Structures are given as structure tokens and as C-alpha cells.
Amino acid sequence: MGAHIIPKPFRQGARKAVADANLKIALDRTTGLLKTRRAAILESFADYAAARDQAAAIKAHTLDNWAFYLEQFEQRATAAGSHVHWAETAEQASAIAVAICQAHDAKRATRVKSMLGEEISLPRALEAAGIESVETDLAEHIIQLAKEPPSHIIIPAMHKRQEEVAALFQAQHQTPPDSLKVEDLVGSARRELRLKFGSADVGISGANFLVAETGSIATVTNEGNGELTCELPDLHIVTVGIEKIVPRLEDASLLLRLLSRSALGTEFTQYTTFYTGPRRDGETSGPKHMHIILVDAGRSALAQTPYRDMLRCIRCGACMNHCPVYGEVGGHSYSAVYPGPMGAILTPTLRGLESAKDLPQACTLNGRCQDVCPVKIPLADMIRELRQDVTDAGMTSLGWRLGLGLWSKAAARPWVYRCVEFGSTLVLRLLAAGRGHIAGLPFAGAWSRSRDLLAPPAQTFLGQYKQQTKRRSKKQARRSEIDV
């Protein structure tokens, strides 16, 4: 997955990220806006709860009948004039795409943002074959110039501030922007990319959904680059994961309503396009040849595990936007194509638990991710199960096991737990020394290296709980007296 992403421990990347003040500004600015917009748009969606239930049921039904709908899609897509290919692995998928390009003597490929393309390392495979790969999505264009991987599945350049983008464009565009204004930066990118659109030999896209009943693919974009990529060249190649299949157009319509609201806080994206085969006789637009590569890359195996529900994911990114861990460390810390809560499950299950054992630990188990998931994936529950898998496989450190063992013994003995709580609270108050925070914490340097710890409140949790219990008891007693 993502060959250009340098493998490294999550802890190492996270340590660097939390010390980066500019990254924090960029993350707060964008995730804050997306959360606000999502909350606002859902207020006007009266049937949201019912729509979520229906969407989850559609995806569950599709997975139960996966083979039937995939075969139906192949039949209908072939009847519409498309060539359908099956790829068992990521390497096979890239090899098929490259072979198709070579058969058509393609030298330049324009690409629409596709996380599946990143997963199968398609840009690197194209470049290795001497085929220029041009990212046409604005955010992907930015990170291609910066030679960086995406940090978010919807907004790949979320980690970049406006000033950084301007510096990139000034240095690398043929006609640099006139100012730091957003409209000038967009205009500069448009001028740069228009030259590529007109000279591309092949357009390569992903697909948000595959529709079994019609053999269609559906794409959603906000910049119009998808249509320019898919329709101008004579050759259109689609690389798409097999989990994107849905039975009917009606199902795709419902999921599209949830996707745009969850991803960007809009009712619909600017461009929602369905492609059903190549250009037909008498039509004046569209590619002459259309190839669809259906990619497994571990998905069939994942469907046989307790983490099967992860295949319901429609890649909206809402779980990331609401994740406090992602909000602190960004996407690059995960060293994988899919970051955030979804990545904490997909990366270990698709790439192997050993190589991503730290990712399930990158979670507070607060449950926000599964609360906002439009297809009701139990993300926090699965992350908890993955932690158990890591423990059962003996992949935790000796220090971790000893610490957890001591904690469990204390938690099982209330008097010991209360003594530890009292002692630690007393020590923390002494360290705070009237300042309200603790800048350095003994034996917890990793925590206090990049953040302060707030001084403990006047009352412990147990103290507050007992106080509230007494208040409730008194209220109930008064009500009983009144009733009598």
C-alpha cells in the first residue's frame, strides 16, 4: 500500500507531528470547518437517522451477495462496451493498468484523485514505465509538487497552509500566481493543468460506486477535473475496489446523499457523473475505450474476518475529521494510505497486524468516529478488538504488559485503587504548585514533551460520583414524600 509512503513507527511520526505548530493550525482550521458544515447540513436532513439505517442495510446486503452483484456488474458493463479486468493483488492491478496504457502507446496520463490508486501505487508504476502521471485534483496537484503523500482521503493537502501552497506554485508553475489570494492560487493551478488535459493520452480515475444493474461507475468531484480527465482522452481506465459495488442506481443515489454531507457538509458535490461504457456511435464526447479494473487486494480475505463491516466504508473521511488523535498528529503519522480511525482498522487488516500494530493504540475510544459514520461502522468497537488481537499475538512490549497487569490488579481491588488515586492526585497538585498546569511529568516525558497536563480538579471522579449520587437520592426521597 502506498509505496511512496516511508514505513516508520506511528510513535515516531506522532512525536514529530505534535511538535509542529504549523501543522496544528492547518488541521484545526480545516477539520473545524468540516465539522461545522457537516453539523449544519444534517440539521436540514430530517430523515438522516433512517437514511443511515438504510445505507448500512444496503451495504450489508451487498456484502452478503457480493459475488452475485460483481458478476452482474461485469455482465452489464461488458454489454455497454467496457472491458472489465480482475486484479487479485495491488501489483496485478497496477500491472494491468500499465499494460493497457502501453497497448495504446500512451505517454501522458491525467489522474483524478483516487485512494485506490494510491493503495496500488499506480503513479509510481506509471512513472517506472515511462508514462507521465499528472494529478489533476487541486489538492493532489499540490502534494505532487511537494513530493508528499496525501494526509487525508478527501482533502489530501489538509496539512498545507495557504502560504506553503503559494511558495510551491511560485517555484514550480510556468506562470506563478499574482498573489497569495486563494483565487490567484487556483487560477495558477488551472493554467498549469489545462495544458495537461488537452495533451493526455489516457485518463485514469477511481469510482465512488459501481452500479450492478447498469454496469455504470459513479464519480463525485468539486472541480470539474474528473470530467476533463475521463472524457477528453480516447482511453479511460478505472481502478476501483470491489467493495464499491451497490445493487441499484437508487442505492447509489442514497449513498451519494450521505457521502457529500458527511465528507464536505454539502447536499451534493458540484459534479456527480455516471459513466456507462465508452462513447457510442453518434455520440460526440467521451472516450473511445473504457477499461475497468476490479481490485481485490485483500478485501475478499477481510470479508471472512470479524472486521468485515469495514468493507461498508464509503470513504467520506468524517471519522478522521472528528478524531481527536488525527486532529493532533495529522495523516502522515499513520505511514499508510488510509489514516485516522478507518486507517487504524484497514491498514492492519489489509497490510498485516505486525506492520501496523501501533495504529489500534492511536485511539481514545471516545466513539465519535462511529457516531458520525454514515453507514454505521462500529469503528471504536473494532479498534478495541484489534488491540486484543495485538495482545493475543504477543506484540506488546514487556513494559506495557507489566503496566497493564499492575493497573488491572489495582482496579480489581477498590481500596488499592483509591489509595493510588489519592496519592497520584496529591503528587500532581504539588507539581502544579498553583500554576494550574504541569509542564513536566516524572516518568511520563512522552506526554509532557509537547503538552502541559492540567492540574487535577478539587475533587476526584469517585468523590464527584458519590456527591452526585447523594443529590439524586435526596431528590428521589423528596419526590416520594410529595407523592405520599
Protein backbone atom coordinates (compact mmCIF):
# COMPACT_ATOMS: atom_id res chain seq x y z
CA MET A 1 0.00 0.00 0.00
CA GLY A 2 1.33 3.41 -0.95
CA ALA A 3 4.88 2.56 -1.95
CA HIS A 4 5.96 6.20 -1.75
CA ILE A 5 4.98 6.37 1.93
CA ILE A 6 8.07 5.72 4.04
CA PRO A 7 7.35 2.97 6.59
CA LYS A 8 8.06 4.17 10.12
CA PRO A 9 6.63 3.57 13.59
CA PHE A 10 3.49 5.57 14.35
CA ARG A 11 5.00 6.86 17.56
CA GLN A 12 7.92 8.41 15.70
CA GLY A 13 5.65 10.26 13.27
CA ALA A 14 3.26 11.34 16.00
CA ARG A 15 6.09 12.72 18.13
CA LYS A 16 7.21 14.90 15.26
CA ALA A 17 3.67 15.97 14.38
CA VAL A 18 2.60 17.16 17.84
CA ALA A 19 5.63 19.44 17.95
CA ASP A 20 4.70 21.06 14.61
CA ALA A 21 2.72 24.23 15.39
CA ASN A 22 2.02 24.96 11.71
CA LEU A 23 0.51 21.51 11.23
CA LYS A 24 -1.77 22.04 14.20
CA ILE A 25 -3.00 25.33 12.72
CA ALA A 26 -3.74 23.69 9.36
CA LEU A 27 -5.54 20.73 10.94
CA ASP A 28 -7.64 22.84 13.31
CA ARG A 29 -8.63 25.20 10.52
CA THR A 30 -9.82 22.51 8.11
CA THR A 31 -11.29 19.86 10.39
CA GLY A 32 -13.08 22.56 12.38
CA LEU A 33 -14.70 23.91 9.21
CA LEU A 34 -15.71 20.44 8.00
CA LYS A 35 -17.27 19.51 11.34
CA THR A 36 -19.24 22.75 11.48
CA ARG A 37 -20.50 22.37 7.93
CA ARG A 38 -21.49 18.74 8.45
CA ALA A 39 -23.46 19.56 11.60
CA ALA A 40 -25.26 22.42 9.83
CA ILE A 41 -26.25 20.40 6.74
CA LEU A 42 -27.53 17.48 8.80
CA GLU A 43 -29.89 19.76 10.71
CA SER A 44 -31.88 20.15 7.50
CA PHE A 45 -31.81 16.41 6.70
CA ALA A 46 -34.91 15.26 8.58
CA ASP A 47 -34.54 11.60 7.60
CA TYR A 48 -30.83 11.30 8.38
CA ALA A 49 -31.20 8.56 11.01
CA ALA A 50 -33.42 6.49 8.72
CA ALA A 51 -31.07 7.10 5.79
CA ARG A 52 -28.12 5.81 7.84
CA ASP A 53 -30.03 2.66 8.74
CA GLN A 54 -30.98 2.10 5.11
CA ALA A 55 -27.42 2.75 3.87
CA ALA A 56 -25.97 0.28 6.37
CA ALA A 57 -28.56 -2.30 5.32
CA ILE A 58 -27.75 -1.78 1.61
CA LYS A 59 -24.03 -2.30 2.18
CA ALA A 60 -24.62 -5.32 4.42
CA HIS A 61 -26.95 -6.90 1.85
CA THR A 62 -24.43 -6.28 -0.91
CA LEU A 63 -21.65 -7.96 1.07
CA ASP A 64 -23.93 -10.95 1.71
CA ASN A 65 -24.43 -11.26 -2.06
CA TRP A 66 -21.07 -9.92 -3.20
CA ALA A 67 -20.30 -12.46 -5.91
CA PHE A 68 -23.75 -12.12 -7.50
CA TYR A 69 -23.60 -8.34 -7.81
CA LEU A 70 -19.99 -8.26 -9.01
CA GLU A 71 -20.78 -10.79 -11.74
CA GLN A 72 -23.88 -8.81 -12.69
CA PHE A 73 -21.78 -5.65 -12.91
CA GLU A 74 -19.26 -7.37 -15.17
CA GLN A 75 -22.02 -8.58 -17.50
CA ARG A 76 -23.76 -5.21 -17.73
CA ALA A 77 -20.52 -3.22 -18.07
CA THR A 78 -19.29 -5.55 -20.82
CA ALA A 79 -22.62 -5.25 -22.63
CA ALA A 80 -22.21 -1.45 -22.50
CA GLY A 81 -18.82 -1.73 -24.25
CA SER A 82 -16.42 -1.62 -21.29
CA HIS A 83 -13.56 -4.06 -20.80
CA VAL A 84 -13.61 -5.50 -17.27
CA HIS A 85 -10.42 -6.84 -15.64
CA TRP A 86 -9.99 -8.60 -12.29
CA ALA A 87 -6.92 -7.99 -10.12
CA GLU A 88 -6.29 -10.17 -7.09
CA THR A 89 -3.41 -8.06 -5.76
CA ALA A 90 -2.33 -4.42 -5.83
CA GLU A 91 0.65 -5.35 -8.02
CA GLN A 92 -1.60 -7.06 -10.55
CA ALA A 93 -3.89 -4.03 -10.69
CA SER A 94 -1.03 -1.63 -11.46
CA ALA A 95 0.45 -4.04 -14.00
CA ILE A 96 -2.88 -4.30 -15.84
CA ALA A 97 -3.26 -0.52 -15.96
CA VAL A 98 0.29 -0.06 -17.25
CA ALA A 99 -0.19 -2.79 -19.89
CA ILE A 100 -3.36 -1.09 -21.17
CA CYS A 101 -1.53 2.23 -21.43
CA GLN A 102 1.35 0.61 -23.30
CA ALA A 103 -1.04 -1.16 -25.69
CA HIS A 104 -2.43 2.28 -26.61
CA ASP A 105 1.07 3.84 -26.75
CA ALA A 106 0.12 6.32 -24.01
CA LYS A 107 2.83 8.72 -22.88
CA ARG A 108 0.89 11.04 -20.58
CA ALA A 109 -1.86 10.09 -18.12
CA THR A 110 -4.09 12.53 -16.25
CA ARG A 111 -5.46 11.21 -12.97
CA VAL A 112 -8.47 12.04 -10.81
CA LYS A 113 -7.88 11.72 -7.07
CA SER A 114 -8.27 8.07 -6.07
CA MET A 115 -7.19 6.50 -2.81
CA LEU A 116 -7.34 3.10 -4.51
CA GLY A 117 -4.79 4.41 -6.99
CA GLU A 118 -2.56 5.32 -4.05
CA GLU A 119 -3.16 1.93 -2.44
CA ILE A 120 -1.97 0.05 -5.53
CA SER A 121 0.91 2.52 -6.08
CA LEU A 122 -0.32 3.32 -9.58
CA PRO A 123 1.50 6.67 -10.01
CA ARG A 124 4.84 5.01 -9.27
CA ALA A 125 4.08 2.12 -11.63
CA LEU A 126 3.24 4.55 -14.44
CA GLU A 127 6.38 6.57 -13.92
CA ALA A 128 8.50 3.41 -13.81
CA ALA A 129 7.06 2.52 -17.22
CA GLY A 130 7.98 5.94 -18.64
CA ILE A 131 4.41 7.28 -18.58
CA GLU A 132 3.97 10.77 -17.15
CA SER A 133 1.35 10.77 -14.36
CA VAL A 134 -0.38 14.12 -13.82
CA GLU A 135 -2.58 14.70 -10.76
CA THR A 136 -5.47 16.97 -11.72
CA ASP A 137 -7.25 17.44 -8.39
CA LEU A 138 -6.05 20.74 -6.89
CA ALA A 139 -5.00 19.21 -3.57
CA GLU A 140 -3.33 16.25 -5.29
CA HIS A 141 -1.55 18.69 -7.62
CA ILE A 142 -0.20 20.48 -4.55
CA ILE A 143 1.21 17.37 -2.91
CA GLN A 144 2.57 16.09 -6.22
CA LEU A 145 4.61 19.29 -6.50
CA ALA A 146 5.67 18.89 -2.86
CA LYS A 147 6.54 15.21 -3.46
CA GLU A 148 4.46 14.20 -0.44
CA PRO A 149 1.76 11.57 0.11
CA PRO A 150 -1.86 12.54 0.86
CA SER A 151 -2.65 13.28 4.51
CA HIS A 152 -6.45 12.92 4.22
CA ILE A 153 -8.66 10.88 1.90
CA ILE A 154 -10.91 13.81 0.91
CA ILE A 155 -8.56 16.79 1.31
CA PRO A 156 -5.11 15.33 0.58
CA ALA A 157 -3.29 18.62 1.23
CA MET A 158 -5.01 19.32 4.54
CA HIS A 159 -1.61 19.64 6.21
CA LYS A 160 -0.57 22.52 3.94
CA ARG A 161 -1.17 26.15 4.84
CA GLN A 162 -2.02 28.72 2.18
CA GLU A 163 1.43 30.30 2.42
CA GLU A 164 3.13 26.95 1.75
CA VAL A 165 0.95 26.36 -1.33
CA ALA A 166 1.81 29.80 -2.68
CA ALA A 167 5.53 29.12 -2.27
CA LEU A 168 5.19 25.84 -4.19
CA PHE A 169 3.33 27.48 -7.06
CA GLN A 170 5.78 30.37 -7.21
CA ALA A 171 8.68 27.96 -7.52
CA GLN A 172 7.22 25.37 -9.91
CA HIS A 173 4.44 26.83 -12.07
CA GLN A 174 5.24 28.15 -15.52
CA THR A 175 3.05 31.17 -14.75
CA PRO A 176 3.27 31.82 -11.00
CA PRO A 177 0.28 33.27 -9.10
CA ASP A 178 -0.01 37.03 -8.81
CA SER A 179 -0.67 36.97 -5.07
CA LEU A 180 -1.37 34.80 -2.03
CA LYS A 181 -5.12 35.12 -2.58
CA VAL A 182 -6.97 31.83 -3.00
CA GLU A 183 -8.45 32.85 -6.35
CA ASP A 184 -4.99 33.64 -7.73
CA LEU A 185 -3.59 30.32 -6.49
CA VAL A 186 -6.49 28.43 -8.08
CA GLY A 187 -6.07 30.39 -11.32
CA SER A 188 -2.40 29.50 -11.45
CA ALA A 189 -3.16 25.79 -10.98
CA ARG A 190 -5.88 25.95 -13.63
CA ARG A 191 -3.49 27.44 -16.19
CA GLU A 192 -0.89 24.80 -15.39
CA LEU A 193 -3.28 21.86 -15.63
CA ARG A 194 -5.20 22.96 -18.72
CA LEU A 195 -2.08 22.29 -20.78
CA LYS A 196 -2.02 18.72 -19.46
CA PHE A 197 -5.71 17.96 -20.02
CA GLY A 198 -5.54 18.71 -23.73
CA SER A 199 -2.46 16.59 -24.36
CA ALA A 200 -3.25 13.50 -22.25
CA ASP A 201 -3.35 10.11 -23.96
CA VAL A 202 -5.22 8.40 -21.15
CA GLY A 203 -7.46 9.49 -18.28
CA ILE A 204 -7.36 7.39 -15.10
CA SER A 205 -9.97 7.61 -12.37
CA GLY A 206 -11.32 5.70 -9.45
CA ALA A 207 -15.01 5.26 -8.74
CA ASN A 208 -17.11 6.13 -5.74
CA PHE A 209 -19.65 3.47 -6.62
CA LEU A 210 -20.18 0.60 -9.06
CA VAL A 211 -23.81 0.02 -10.04
CA ALA A 212 -24.55 -3.64 -10.73
CA GLU A 213 -27.89 -3.22 -12.52
CA THR A 214 -26.47 -0.89 -15.21
CA GLY A 215 -22.73 -1.61 -15.30
CA SER A 216 -22.09 2.07 -14.51
CA ILE A 217 -19.41 3.75 -12.42
CA ALA A 218 -20.18 6.89 -10.40
CA THR A 219 -17.65 9.62 -9.61
CA VAL A 220 -18.00 12.74 -7.49
CA THR A 221 -15.75 15.80 -7.74
CA ASN A 222 -15.96 19.51 -6.99
CA GLU A 223 -13.58 20.96 -9.56
CA GLY A 224 -14.64 19.53 -12.93
CA ASN A 225 -11.27 17.88 -13.36
CA GLY A 226 -12.95 14.47 -13.30
CA GLU A 227 -14.91 15.14 -16.48
CA LEU A 228 -11.88 16.65 -18.24
CA THR A 229 -9.82 13.60 -17.26
CA CYS A 230 -12.38 10.93 -18.10
CA GLU A 231 -13.89 12.39 -21.28
CA LEU A 232 -11.17 14.18 -23.25
CA PRO A 233 -8.67 11.33 -23.90
CA ASP A 234 -9.64 8.41 -26.13
CA LEU A 235 -8.78 5.96 -23.32
CA HIS A 236 -10.37 5.89 -19.86
CA ILE A 237 -9.08 3.46 -17.20
CA VAL A 238 -10.95 2.95 -13.93
CA THR A 239 -9.26 1.33 -10.92
CA VAL A 240 -11.77 0.52 -8.18
CA GLY A 241 -12.05 -1.69 -5.12
CA ILE A 242 -14.63 -4.44 -5.31
CA GLU A 243 -16.31 -3.20 -2.10
CA LYS A 244 -17.68 -0.18 -4.03
CA ILE A 245 -20.40 -2.31 -5.64
CA VAL A 246 -24.09 -1.47 -4.97
CA PRO A 247 -27.10 -3.23 -6.47
CA ARG A 248 -29.13 -0.38 -8.00
CA LEU A 249 -28.97 3.26 -9.11
CA GLU A 250 -31.43 4.00 -6.32
CA ASP A 251 -28.93 2.65 -3.78
CA ALA A 252 -26.12 4.75 -5.23
CA SER A 253 -28.36 7.83 -5.01
CA LEU A 254 -28.96 7.35 -1.29
CA LEU A 255 -25.28 6.74 -0.57
CA LEU A 256 -24.30 9.81 -2.59
CA ARG A 257 -26.57 11.96 -0.40
CA LEU A 258 -24.81 10.66 2.70
CA LEU A 259 -21.33 10.84 1.19
CA SER A 260 -21.37 14.53 0.31
CA ARG A 261 -22.99 15.58 3.59
CA SER A 262 -20.52 13.57 5.66
CA ALA A 263 -17.43 14.49 3.65
CA LEU A 264 -17.85 18.21 2.95
CA GLY A 265 -21.08 19.31 4.56
CA THR A 266 -22.87 19.84 1.23
CA GLU A 267 -26.09 18.34 -0.16
CA PHE A 268 -24.29 17.17 -3.28
CA THR A 269 -20.87 17.64 -4.80
CA GLN A 270 -20.52 20.04 -7.74
CA TYR A 271 -20.12 17.19 -10.21
CA THR A 272 -21.76 13.78 -9.89
CA THR A 273 -21.20 11.73 -13.03
CA PHE A 274 -22.25 8.24 -14.09
CA TYR A 275 -20.25 6.56 -16.86
CA THR A 276 -21.78 3.56 -18.63
CA GLY A 277 -19.35 2.30 -21.23
CA PRO A 278 -17.33 4.24 -23.82
CA ARG A 279 -18.60 6.60 -26.49
CA ARG A 280 -21.29 5.10 -28.71
CA ASP A 281 -21.95 5.65 -32.40
CA GLY A 282 -23.42 9.08 -32.92
CA GLU A 283 -22.11 10.49 -29.62
CA THR A 284 -19.65 13.37 -29.77
CA SER A 285 -17.97 13.15 -26.36
CA GLY A 286 -16.44 10.53 -24.14
CA PRO A 287 -13.58 8.05 -24.56
CA LYS A 288 -13.41 5.52 -27.37
CA HIS A 289 -12.14 2.82 -25.00
CA MET A 290 -13.07 2.17 -21.37
CA HIS A 291 -11.32 -0.35 -19.11
CA ILE A 292 -12.48 -1.12 -15.56
CA ILE A 293 -10.05 -2.88 -13.21
CA LEU A 294 -11.81 -4.50 -10.25
CA VAL A 295 -9.30 -4.75 -7.40
CA ASP A 296 -9.43 -7.22 -4.54
CA ALA A 297 -6.09 -6.60 -2.75
CA GLY A 298 -7.10 -8.34 0.46
CA ARG A 299 -10.78 -7.39 0.50
CA SER A 300 -12.11 -10.92 0.00
CA ALA A 301 -9.95 -12.13 2.88
CA LEU A 302 -11.12 -9.21 5.05
CA ALA A 303 -14.74 -10.22 4.39
CA GLN A 304 -14.05 -13.52 6.19
CA THR A 305 -12.88 -11.82 9.41
CA PRO A 306 -14.63 -10.11 12.35
CA TYR A 307 -13.71 -6.81 10.67
CA ARG A 308 -15.94 -7.44 7.66
CA ASP A 309 -18.10 -4.37 8.34
CA MET A 310 -15.13 -2.16 7.42
CA LEU A 311 -15.98 -3.01 3.78
CA ARG A 312 -19.12 -0.88 4.16
CA CYS A 313 -16.92 2.25 4.23
CA ILE A 314 -17.82 4.84 1.56
CA ARG A 315 -14.61 6.86 2.11
CA CYS A 316 -16.23 10.08 3.37
CA GLY A 317 -13.49 10.91 5.89
CA ALA A 318 -15.93 12.01 8.62
CA CYS A 319 -14.27 9.68 11.13
CA MET A 320 -10.96 11.50 10.63
CA ASN A 321 -12.47 14.95 10.93
CA HIS A 322 -13.96 14.07 14.33
CA CYS A 323 -10.99 12.08 15.66
CA PRO A 324 -9.03 13.90 18.40
CA VAL A 325 -5.92 11.84 17.64
CA TYR A 326 -5.97 12.64 13.91
CA GLY A 327 -6.58 16.28 14.87
CA GLU A 328 -3.30 16.30 16.78
CA VAL A 329 -0.99 14.27 14.53
CA GLY A 330 -2.47 14.50 11.01
CA GLY A 331 -2.43 11.81 8.36
CA HIS A 332 1.27 11.31 7.65
CA SER A 333 1.92 9.93 11.13
CA TYR A 334 -0.02 6.79 10.20
CA SER A 335 2.50 5.94 7.44
CA ALA A 336 -0.28 4.44 5.35
CA VAL A 337 -2.72 5.32 2.59
CA TYR A 338 -5.68 5.34 4.97
CA PRO A 339 -5.15 7.38 8.17
CA GLY A 340 -7.40 8.10 11.13
CA PRO A 341 -9.88 5.61 12.64
CA MET A 342 -10.59 3.91 9.31
CA GLY A 343 -6.86 3.51 8.75
CA ALA A 344 -6.38 2.08 12.24
CA ILE A 345 -8.54 -0.82 11.05
CA LEU A 346 -7.87 -1.05 7.30
CA THR A 347 -4.09 -0.88 7.49
CA PRO A 348 -3.63 -3.76 9.98
CA THR A 349 -6.30 -5.90 8.28
CA LEU A 350 -5.12 -5.34 4.71
CA ARG A 351 -1.38 -4.90 5.24
CA GLY A 352 -0.81 -7.12 8.26
CA LEU A 353 -1.07 -6.61 12.01
CA GLU A 354 2.68 -6.88 12.62
CA SER A 355 3.46 -3.88 10.39
CA ALA A 356 0.75 -1.67 11.90
CA LYS A 357 0.39 -2.85 15.49
CA ASP A 358 0.64 0.69 16.91
CA LEU A 359 -2.33 2.05 14.92
CA PRO A 360 -5.11 0.49 17.03
CA GLN A 361 -3.46 2.15 20.04
CA ALA A 362 -3.81 5.57 18.37
CA CYS A 363 -7.35 5.94 19.67
CA THR A 364 -9.01 7.27 22.81
CA LEU A 365 -12.06 5.01 22.23
CA ASN A 366 -14.30 8.07 22.62
CA GLY A 367 -16.63 6.70 19.92
CA ARG A 368 -17.04 9.89 17.87
CA CYS A 369 -15.95 8.08 14.72
CA GLN A 370 -18.73 5.51 14.80
CA ASP A 371 -21.26 8.16 15.87
CA VAL A 372 -20.64 10.14 12.68
CA CYS A 373 -20.11 7.21 10.28
CA PRO A 374 -22.89 7.43 7.64
CA VAL A 375 -23.02 3.64 7.23
CA LYS A 376 -22.82 2.86 10.96
CA ILE A 377 -19.50 1.01 11.03
CA PRO A 378 -18.64 0.14 14.66
CA LEU A 379 -15.16 1.64 14.33
CA ALA A 380 -14.31 2.05 18.01
CA ASP A 381 -15.51 -1.48 18.77
CA MET A 382 -13.31 -2.93 16.04
CA ILE A 383 -10.30 -0.90 17.17
CA ARG A 384 -10.79 -2.35 20.64
CA GLU A 385 -10.88 -5.86 19.15
CA LEU A 386 -7.69 -5.17 17.19
CA ARG A 387 -5.97 -4.16 20.42
CA GLN A 388 -6.93 -7.53 21.81
CA ASP A 389 -5.53 -9.20 18.69
CA VAL A 390 -2.23 -7.37 19.20
CA THR A 391 -2.10 -8.54 22.81
CA ASP A 392 -3.07 -12.12 21.98
CA ALA A 393 -0.35 -12.23 19.31
CA GLY A 394 2.27 -11.21 21.88
CA MET A 395 3.14 -7.99 20.04
CA THR A 396 3.03 -5.69 23.08
CA SER A 397 6.17 -4.65 24.96
CA LEU A 398 7.16 -6.04 28.34
CA GLY A 399 6.70 -2.61 29.93
CA TRP A 400 3.19 -2.36 28.53
CA ARG A 401 2.23 -5.80 29.81
CA LEU A 402 3.64 -5.12 33.26
CA GLY A 403 1.92 -1.75 33.48
CA LEU A 404 -1.41 -3.15 32.36
CA GLY A 405 -1.06 -6.03 34.80
CA LEU A 406 -0.43 -3.69 37.72
CA TRP A 407 -3.35 -1.48 36.72
CA SER A 408 -5.72 -4.46 36.45
CA LYS A 409 -4.71 -5.68 39.90
CA ALA A 410 -5.30 -2.23 41.38
CA ALA A 411 -8.62 -1.81 39.54
CA ALA A 412 -9.82 -5.16 40.88
CA ARG A 413 -9.17 -4.00 44.48
CA PRO A 414 -11.15 -0.81 45.23
CA TRP A 415 -9.16 0.12 48.35
CA VAL A 416 -5.87 -0.14 46.43
CA TYR A 417 -7.31 1.87 43.53
CA ARG A 418 -8.50 4.62 45.91
CA CYS A 419 -5.09 4.77 47.59
CA VAL A 420 -3.31 5.06 44.24
CA GLU A 421 -5.79 7.70 43.09
CA PHE A 422 -5.35 9.72 46.31
CA GLY A 423 -1.57 9.52 46.17
CA SER A 424 -1.23 10.39 42.49
CA THR A 425 -3.70 13.28 42.82
CA LEU A 426 -1.70 14.68 45.74
CA VAL A 427 1.55 14.46 43.76
CA LEU A 428 0.00 16.14 40.71
CA ARG A 429 -1.31 19.01 42.82
CA LEU A 430 2.14 19.55 44.31
CA LEU A 431 3.70 19.56 40.84
CA ALA A 432 1.13 22.09 39.62
CA ALA A 433 2.09 24.35 42.55
CA GLY A 434 -0.70 26.85 41.99
CA ARG A 435 0.05 27.30 38.29
CA GLY A 436 -2.96 25.29 37.11
CA HIS A 437 -0.83 23.07 34.88
CA ILE A 438 2.17 20.75 34.93
CA ALA A 439 4.92 21.39 32.39
CA GLY A 440 6.97 18.27 33.15
CA LEU A 441 5.72 14.97 34.48
CA PRO A 442 8.09 12.41 36.04
CA PHE A 443 8.08 9.04 34.24
CA ALA A 444 5.77 10.49 31.57
CA GLY A 445 8.12 12.58 29.47
CA ALA A 446 6.50 11.41 26.23
CA TRP A 447 3.25 13.05 27.34
CA SER A 448 4.65 16.33 28.69
CA ARG A 449 7.25 16.81 25.96
CA SER A 450 4.76 18.61 23.71
CA ARG A 451 1.87 19.50 26.00
CA ASP A 452 1.05 20.60 29.53
CA LEU A 453 -1.05 18.48 31.85
CA LEU A 454 -3.87 20.31 33.63
CA ALA A 455 -3.84 20.25 37.40
CA PRO A 456 -6.35 17.75 38.83
CA PRO A 457 -9.72 19.16 39.96
CA ALA A 458 -10.51 19.75 43.61
CA GLN A 459 -12.50 16.53 43.79
CA THR A 460 -11.64 13.15 42.32
CA PHE A 461 -14.01 11.36 39.97
CA LEU A 462 -15.12 9.00 42.71
CA GLY A 463 -15.74 11.94 45.01
CA GLN A 464 -17.84 13.71 42.41
CA TYR A 465 -19.74 10.49 41.69
CA LYS A 466 -20.59 9.96 45.36
CA GLN A 467 -21.70 13.58 45.71
CA GLN A 468 -23.99 13.34 42.68
CA THR A 469 -25.38 10.00 43.93
CA LYS A 470 -26.29 11.60 47.27
CA ARG A 471 -28.01 14.50 45.47
CA ARG A 472 -30.06 12.11 43.34
CA SER A 473 -31.02 10.10 46.42
CA LYS A 474 -32.21 13.24 48.22
CA LYS A 475 -34.27 14.32 45.18
CA GLN A 476 -35.90 10.92 44.95
CA ALA A 477 -36.67 10.99 48.68
CA ARG A 478 -38.36 14.40 48.34
CA ARG A 479 -40.45 13.19 45.41
CA SER A 480 -41.52 10.16 47.44
CA GLU A 481 -42.62 12.43 50.32
CA ILE A 482 -44.60 14.62 47.89
CA ASP A 483 -46.27 11.57 46.33
CA VAL A 484 -47.24 10.31 49.80
